[in-house]
Amino acid sequence: MAERRPACALHVEQMRAQHTDIAERLTAVGQAHARWKADRLGAKADLVAALQLVDAALAAHLGDEEPFVADHAPALLTQVEWDEMRDHGIAGIPKNRLLIHLGYMLRAFEAEEERADFWWALPFAARALYRLFGERQLTRELTALYGADDETGRSDFG
């Protein structure tokens, strides 16, 4: 982006610095998690604190990066480059978690209309697989994490 639109260079550098910061914080989470696994009670506070630092860094970073990319990338990236980014992102997700990730993406939309637009833009096969398997997988994961069913991963848009 910085090469194609030099005026974006400062913002791109800021994003890269944030990526580095987040990577360092994730390393700290990994270390805190290892300590927690070894001594669950004594290291819980360290793990929670490390996760809170990642959460704060991600909130700030995504709040900056998403609008920036949404504003500038469509004019700078070709369809081939968009497809490569999509494929790269999907390749980083274990196959058995793809539908769960789709559910988390559905949950991320604040406006129901945006969620529905995203849903109906998905290929039919993805929608069918999510309805058949993904909703239940997500519900099981959310129940394990939070102890209660959470319906916001549902796909009932029509």
Foldseek 3Di string as FASTA:
>chain_A
DCVVPVVCVVVVVVLVVLVVVLVVLVVQLVVLVVVCVVPVPPSVVSNVVSVVVNVVSCVVNCVSPVVVCVVPVVVPDDPVRVVVVVVVVVVVDPPVCPLLVLLVVLLPDPDPVVSLVVLVVDPPVSNVCNQVPSQVVNQVVCCVVPVDGDCSSDDPDD
